[in-house]
Amino acid sequence: MLAMEVDAASHTLRAVRKPVPVPGAGEVLLKVRSCGVCRTDLHILDGELPVHRENVVPGHEVVGEVVGLGAGSGRFGIGQRVGVPWLGRACGHCGFCRTAHENLCDEPQFTGYDRDGGYAEYAVADERFCFALPAAYDDLHAAPLLCAGLIGYRTWRLAGGADAQRVGLWGFGAAAHIVCQLAVAQGQQVFAFTRPGDVEAQAFARSLGATWAGGSDESPPERLDASLLFAPAGPLVPAALALTRKGGVVVCGGIHMSDIPAFAYELLWGERQVRSVANLTRADGEGFFTLIARVPVRTEVQAFPLAQANDAVRALRAGSIRGAAVMVP
């Protein structure tokens, strides 16, 4: 099978031919139909995250058809379509797993980081950590739901969910364009912050219902109840705090961020909070897919053939993707 694996020396992907993987006990073999390209994949490629596995095949927004079952597997049937997210396995026995915090598991395995992911024609996955996907989304448009959607949902939920009336979204990419639609549908006002001068992204945000859209160097007309940071830029933390009301929260939704610069205590005072999001739980998936069944969202995608994975990566790095990049074998 064709797969694209990480070349750590060049910070690019290289095409290789590998045997079709064999599913182990409790696993399913998937014929990959699509796989989203996530900013976390860039952090792995660029060496901003420590190497967990040499020459790993990235990709953790995997939409696949079940074509094989490992011993004891029976949750999904042959021919069923499933999604594979970032959290590929949790130990089930550490203190975090025992208290419904499997996203903080001490011995996790992440798809496309510890386990080969979806930048390939076939992949295997632990059936316990796969999701049945809504039929309303085709393969291409379902892929971003599996990280941009799920992590965006968890970030939104930890920022107060629908209780926050004025929500700032910093970095209007794959996650923000999904969260924007969820928030607007809940009656919230969305204030979108983009790279300075990115009028196209600002117009995109307004087209999805944002009340206001401007550069990260601009101020909206109202103070924010919550800010969700999807851009991996540490200086945005004090910038967001400066626009947040007393008692508000700033949630950092990425796995990696550049250093947060020192800032005056005055920005934090007033019981403001800064917190991070780490990974996801299967309960997040259940909550998210239940919500989008009631409040459908439109995922904007740009498709790339698997063999052109490096083009997709370059486009995402350059910020030229409207919505999400998705690779199709």
Protein backbone atom coordinates (compact mmCIF):
# COMPACT_ATOMS: atom_id res chain seq x y z
CA MET A 1 0.00 0.00 0.00
CA LEU A 2 1.02 3.64 -0.46
CA ALA A 3 1.73 5.55 2.74
CA MET A 4 3.26 8.93 3.55
CA GLU A 5 5.64 8.81 6.52
CA VAL A 6 7.52 11.50 8.41
CA ASP A 7 11.05 12.26 7.22
CA ALA A 8 12.42 13.94 10.35
CA ALA A 9 15.59 15.21 8.64
CA SER A 10 13.78 17.20 5.95
CA HIS A 11 10.57 17.97 7.91
CA THR A 12 8.57 16.60 4.99
CA LEU A 13 6.58 13.50 4.14
CA ARG A 14 8.03 10.74 1.96
CA ALA A 15 6.06 8.23 -0.07
CA VAL A 16 6.74 4.60 0.81
CA ARG A 17 5.28 1.21 -0.03
CA LYS A 18 4.32 -0.80 3.04
CA PRO A 19 2.45 -4.06 3.61
CA VAL A 20 -1.24 -3.71 4.40
CA PRO A 21 -1.34 -3.81 8.23
CA VAL A 22 -2.91 -6.76 10.03
CA PRO A 23 -5.46 -5.92 12.76
CA GLY A 24 -4.68 -7.29 16.22
CA ALA A 25 -7.11 -8.32 18.91
CA GLY A 26 -9.85 -5.73 19.31
CA GLU A 27 -8.74 -3.83 16.20
CA VAL A 28 -10.29 -3.13 12.82
CA LEU A 29 -8.58 -2.85 9.44
CA LEU A 30 -9.76 0.21 7.54
CA LYS A 31 -9.56 1.12 3.89
CA VAL A 32 -8.93 4.84 4.25
CA ARG A 33 -11.47 6.97 2.39
CA SER A 34 -10.18 10.35 3.56
CA CYS A 35 -7.92 11.89 6.19
CA GLY A 36 -7.86 15.47 7.39
CA VAL A 37 -4.66 17.45 7.72
CA CYS A 38 -4.33 18.93 11.20
CA ARG A 39 -1.96 21.54 12.59
CA THR A 40 -0.74 18.87 15.05
CA ASP A 41 0.62 17.02 12.02
CA LEU A 42 2.71 20.12 11.27
CA HIS A 43 4.04 20.17 14.83
CA ILE A 44 5.09 16.51 14.43
CA LEU A 45 6.69 17.15 11.04
CA ASP A 46 8.52 20.26 12.22
CA GLY A 47 9.91 18.56 15.33
CA GLU A 48 8.00 20.86 17.68
CA LEU A 49 6.65 17.76 19.43
CA PRO A 50 9.08 15.08 20.66
CA VAL A 51 9.41 11.99 18.46
CA HIS A 52 7.25 9.14 19.74
CA ARG A 53 7.83 6.79 16.82
CA GLU A 54 10.39 6.97 14.03
CA ASN A 55 9.01 7.20 10.49
CA VAL A 56 5.43 7.35 11.74
CA VAL A 57 2.56 7.69 9.28
CA PRO A 58 0.65 10.80 10.49
CA GLY A 59 -3.03 11.59 10.23
CA HIS A 60 -5.65 11.46 12.96
CA GLU A 61 -8.82 12.62 11.21
CA VAL A 62 -9.39 9.28 9.52
CA VAL A 63 -12.55 8.22 7.72
CA GLY A 64 -12.37 4.58 6.74
CA GLU A 65 -14.38 1.55 5.68
CA VAL A 66 -14.03 -1.56 7.83
CA VAL A 67 -12.52 -4.29 5.64
CA GLY A 68 -11.04 -6.60 8.29
CA LEU A 69 -11.56 -7.59 11.92
CA GLY A 70 -9.01 -8.67 14.51
CA ALA A 71 -9.67 -11.40 17.04
CA GLY A 72 -12.61 -10.56 19.29
CA SER A 73 -13.61 -7.48 17.27
CA GLY A 74 -17.34 -7.07 16.80
CA ARG A 75 -18.33 -3.50 17.52
CA PHE A 76 -18.39 -2.66 13.80
CA GLY A 77 -19.23 -4.81 10.80
CA ILE A 78 -17.46 -5.28 7.49
CA GLY A 79 -18.36 -2.42 5.17
CA GLN A 80 -19.28 0.00 7.96
CA ARG A 81 -17.82 3.52 7.85
CA VAL A 82 -16.05 4.74 10.97
CA GLY A 83 -13.92 7.65 12.11
CA VAL A 84 -10.60 7.46 13.95
CA PRO A 85 -9.61 10.42 16.19
CA TRP A 86 -6.37 11.60 17.85
CA LEU A 87 -6.84 9.48 20.98
CA GLY A 88 -6.14 6.02 19.61
CA ARG A 89 -6.02 4.11 22.88
CA ALA A 90 -6.00 4.73 26.64
CA CYS A 91 -4.76 2.34 29.30
CA GLY A 92 -8.06 2.12 31.17
CA HIS A 93 -6.45 1.58 34.57
CA CYS A 94 -4.56 4.75 35.58
CA GLY A 95 -6.12 7.27 37.94
CA PHE A 96 -7.20 9.52 35.08
CA CYS A 97 -8.89 6.73 33.13
CA ARG A 98 -10.69 5.54 36.25
CA THR A 99 -12.14 9.02 36.85
CA ALA A 100 -13.46 9.74 33.33
CA HIS A 101 -10.37 11.73 32.30
CA GLU A 102 -8.94 9.37 29.71
CA ASN A 103 -7.72 12.39 27.75
CA LEU A 104 -5.05 12.72 30.49
CA CYS A 105 -4.16 8.99 30.49
CA ASP A 106 -0.65 8.20 31.73
CA GLU A 107 -0.07 5.60 28.99
CA PRO A 108 -1.97 6.85 25.94
CA GLN A 109 -1.46 6.03 22.28
CA PHE A 110 -2.21 8.73 19.75
CA THR A 111 -3.19 8.13 16.15
CA GLY A 112 -0.55 9.32 13.71
CA TYR A 113 1.94 9.82 16.54
CA ASP A 114 2.30 6.55 18.48
CA ARG A 115 0.26 4.48 16.00
CA ASP A 116 0.39 4.82 12.24
CA GLY A 117 -2.42 7.07 11.09
CA GLY A 118 -4.45 7.84 8.01
CA TYR A 119 -1.93 9.23 5.52
CA ALA A 120 -2.11 5.84 3.85
CA GLU A 121 -4.39 3.59 1.86
CA TYR A 122 -5.05 1.33 4.87
CA ALA A 123 -4.85 1.73 8.63
CA VAL A 124 -5.67 -0.26 11.77
CA ALA A 125 -7.44 1.17 14.80
CA ASP A 126 -8.66 0.07 18.21
CA GLU A 127 -12.39 -0.37 17.68
CA ARG A 128 -13.17 0.99 21.16
CA PHE A 129 -11.83 4.42 20.15
CA CYS A 130 -13.55 4.67 16.77
CA PHE A 131 -16.78 6.54 16.12
CA ALA A 132 -19.71 5.74 13.87
CA LEU A 133 -20.10 8.75 11.59
CA PRO A 134 -23.26 10.68 10.70
CA ALA A 135 -24.59 9.72 7.27
CA ALA A 136 -25.24 13.39 6.53
CA TYR A 137 -21.51 13.94 5.92
CA ASP A 138 -19.70 12.39 2.98
CA ASP A 139 -16.16 11.07 3.41
CA LEU A 140 -14.50 14.35 2.47
CA HIS A 141 -16.58 16.56 4.76
CA ALA A 142 -16.61 14.11 7.69
CA ALA A 143 -12.82 14.08 8.11
CA PRO A 144 -12.43 17.51 9.82
CA LEU A 145 -15.05 16.53 12.40
CA LEU A 146 -12.60 14.04 13.93
CA CYS A 147 -10.16 16.58 15.37
CA ALA A 148 -11.02 20.11 14.31
CA GLY A 149 -14.59 19.34 15.32
CA LEU A 150 -13.91 17.25 18.42
CA ILE A 151 -11.10 19.37 19.88
CA GLY A 152 -12.98 22.52 18.93
CA TYR A 153 -16.04 21.19 20.75
CA ARG A 154 -14.02 20.35 23.88
CA THR A 155 -12.39 23.79 23.81
CA TRP A 156 -15.79 25.47 23.45
CA ARG A 157 -17.23 23.33 26.24
CA LEU A 158 -14.38 24.15 28.65
CA ALA A 159 -14.90 27.83 27.84
CA GLY A 160 -18.42 27.59 29.21
CA GLY A 161 -20.22 26.22 26.17
CA ALA A 162 -23.42 28.06 25.38
CA ASP A 163 -23.25 30.01 28.67
CA ALA A 164 -20.67 32.43 27.26
CA GLN A 165 -22.54 35.07 25.29
CA ARG A 166 -19.59 36.76 23.57
CA VAL A 167 -16.98 34.29 22.30
CA GLY A 168 -13.67 35.17 20.67
CA LEU A 169 -12.14 32.70 18.20
CA TRP A 170 -8.44 33.30 17.58
CA GLY A 171 -7.10 31.71 14.39
CA PHE A 172 -9.94 31.10 11.96
CA GLY A 173 -8.99 27.71 10.53
CA ALA A 174 -10.45 24.22 10.58
CA ALA A 175 -11.53 24.14 14.24
CA ALA A 176 -12.78 27.73 14.44
CA HIS A 177 -14.94 27.48 11.34
CA ILE A 178 -16.80 24.55 12.93
CA VAL A 179 -17.05 26.09 16.42
CA CYS A 180 -18.30 29.36 14.93
CA GLN A 181 -21.32 27.60 13.47
CA LEU A 182 -22.05 25.73 16.72
CA ALA A 183 -21.83 28.92 18.77
CA VAL A 184 -24.00 30.96 16.41
CA ALA A 185 -26.62 28.21 16.44
CA GLN A 186 -26.68 28.44 20.26
CA GLY A 187 -27.40 32.16 20.06
CA GLN A 188 -23.88 33.29 20.94
CA GLN A 189 -22.05 36.24 19.43
CA VAL A 190 -18.80 35.24 17.77
CA PHE A 191 -15.84 37.58 17.37
CA ALA A 192 -13.26 36.14 14.95
CA PHE A 193 -9.58 37.10 15.09
CA THR A 194 -7.36 36.31 12.10
CA ARG A 195 -3.86 37.13 10.99
CA PRO A 196 -3.66 40.91 10.53
CA GLY A 197 -4.80 41.82 7.05
CA ASP A 198 -6.36 38.45 6.22
CA VAL A 199 -9.55 39.92 4.82
CA GLU A 200 -10.50 36.65 3.10
CA ALA A 201 -10.56 34.73 6.40
CA GLN A 202 -12.48 37.59 8.00
CA ALA A 203 -15.09 37.50 5.26
CA PHE A 204 -15.31 33.71 5.67
CA ALA A 205 -15.98 34.15 9.39
CA ARG A 206 -18.71 36.69 8.76
CA SER A 207 -20.29 34.36 6.17
CA LEU A 208 -20.61 31.73 8.92
CA GLY A 209 -22.39 34.14 11.23
CA ALA A 210 -19.61 35.92 13.12
CA THR A 211 -20.78 39.23 14.58
CA TRP A 212 -17.37 40.80 14.04
CA ALA A 213 -14.13 39.76 12.35
CA GLY A 214 -10.76 41.50 12.36
CA GLY A 215 -7.06 41.04 12.82
CA SER A 216 -5.48 39.81 16.05
CA ASP A 217 -4.09 43.34 16.43
CA GLU A 218 -7.59 44.85 16.52
CA SER A 219 -10.17 45.22 19.30
CA PRO A 220 -13.81 44.17 18.93
CA PRO A 221 -16.60 46.55 19.95
CA GLU A 222 -17.41 44.56 23.12
CA ARG A 223 -15.55 42.76 25.90
CA LEU A 224 -15.43 38.97 25.59
CA ASP A 225 -16.81 36.37 27.99
CA ALA A 226 -14.45 33.72 26.62
CA SER A 227 -11.69 33.35 24.08
CA LEU A 228 -10.79 30.12 22.28
CA LEU A 229 -7.24 30.11 20.96
CA PHE A 230 -6.58 27.82 18.00
CA ALA A 231 -3.53 29.66 16.65
CA PRO A 232 -0.31 28.31 18.27
CA ALA A 233 1.03 31.76 19.11
CA GLY A 234 1.81 32.45 22.78
CA PRO A 235 1.52 36.24 22.49
CA LEU A 236 -2.18 35.81 21.78
CA VAL A 237 -2.77 34.75 25.40
CA PRO A 238 -2.17 38.21 26.95
CA ALA A 239 -3.86 39.80 23.92
CA ALA A 240 -6.98 37.71 24.58
CA LEU A 241 -6.86 38.39 28.32
CA ALA A 242 -6.77 42.12 27.64
CA LEU A 243 -10.13 41.81 25.85
CA THR A 244 -11.75 39.47 28.37
CA ARG A 245 -14.17 40.66 31.04
CA LYS A 246 -13.71 39.90 34.73
CA GLY A 247 -14.50 36.26 35.46
CA GLY A 248 -13.90 35.33 31.81
CA VAL A 249 -11.75 32.52 30.48
CA VAL A 250 -9.09 32.05 27.82
CA VAL A 251 -8.78 28.45 26.59
CA CYS A 252 -5.77 27.30 24.55
CA GLY A 253 -6.99 24.57 22.22
CA GLY A 254 -3.72 23.36 20.68
CA ILE A 255 -1.22 20.68 21.68
CA HIS A 256 1.69 23.05 21.06
CA MET A 257 2.13 26.80 21.42
CA SER A 258 5.06 29.17 21.29
CA ASP A 259 6.13 30.64 24.62
CA ILE A 260 3.66 32.92 26.36
CA PRO A 261 5.38 36.23 27.09
CA ALA A 262 5.35 37.80 30.54
CA PHE A 263 2.33 39.99 31.13
CA ALA A 264 1.03 42.26 33.86
CA TYR A 265 -0.94 40.64 36.65
CA GLU A 266 -3.62 43.21 35.96
CA LEU A 267 -4.61 41.21 32.86
CA LEU A 268 -5.27 38.08 34.92
CA TRP A 269 -6.72 39.75 38.00
CA GLY A 270 -10.49 39.82 38.37
CA GLU A 271 -10.79 36.03 38.49
CA ARG A 272 -9.95 35.63 34.82
CA GLN A 273 -8.72 32.15 33.89
CA VAL A 274 -6.24 30.69 31.43
CA ARG A 275 -6.49 26.96 30.77
CA SER A 276 -5.50 24.40 28.17
CA VAL A 277 -7.23 21.56 26.40
CA ALA A 278 -5.48 18.19 26.30
CA ASN A 279 -6.67 15.67 23.74
CA LEU A 280 -10.27 14.39 23.92
CA THR A 281 -12.42 11.71 25.50
CA ARG A 282 -14.86 9.33 23.89
CA ALA A 283 -17.56 11.18 25.81
CA ASP A 284 -16.58 14.32 23.89
CA GLY A 285 -17.25 12.42 20.69
CA GLU A 286 -20.66 11.31 21.88
CA GLY A 287 -21.55 14.85 22.94
CA PHE A 288 -20.27 16.42 19.73
CA PHE A 289 -21.96 14.04 17.32
CA THR A 290 -25.21 14.33 19.29
CA LEU A 291 -25.03 18.11 19.04
CA ILE A 292 -24.33 18.27 15.30
CA ALA A 293 -27.25 15.94 14.70
CA ARG A 294 -29.44 18.76 16.06
CA VAL A 295 -27.31 21.65 14.83
CA PRO A 296 -25.75 20.62 11.52
CA VAL A 297 -22.49 22.32 10.60
CA ARG A 298 -20.94 22.74 7.18
CA THR A 299 -17.30 21.80 6.88
CA GLU A 300 -15.38 23.70 4.23
CA VAL A 301 -12.68 21.49 2.72
CA GLN A 302 -9.94 21.50 0.11
CA ALA A 303 -9.07 18.03 -1.20
CA PHE A 304 -5.59 16.75 -2.08
CA PRO A 305 -4.57 13.35 -3.50
CA LEU A 306 -2.58 11.32 -0.96
CA ALA A 307 0.52 11.48 -3.17
CA GLN A 308 0.38 15.29 -2.90
CA ALA A 309 0.39 15.28 0.90
CA ASN A 310 3.35 17.67 1.02
CA ASP A 311 1.36 20.21 -0.99
CA ALA A 312 -1.43 20.00 1.60
CA VAL A 313 1.07 20.48 4.42
CA ARG A 314 2.65 23.50 2.72
CA ALA A 315 -0.74 25.08 2.10
CA LEU A 316 -1.75 24.64 5.73
CA ARG A 317 1.56 26.02 6.95
CA ALA A 318 1.13 29.05 4.68
CA GLY A 319 -2.38 29.69 5.98
CA SER A 320 -3.89 29.42 2.50
CA ILE A 321 -6.50 26.74 3.32
CA ARG A 322 -10.08 27.94 3.64
CA GLY A 323 -11.53 25.64 6.30
CA ALA A 324 -9.70 22.29 6.32
CA ALA A 325 -7.34 20.35 4.06
CA VAL A 326 -8.31 16.72 3.45
CA MET A 327 -6.30 14.00 1.71
CA VAL A 328 -7.96 11.31 -0.38
CA PRO A 329 -6.14 8.07 -1.28
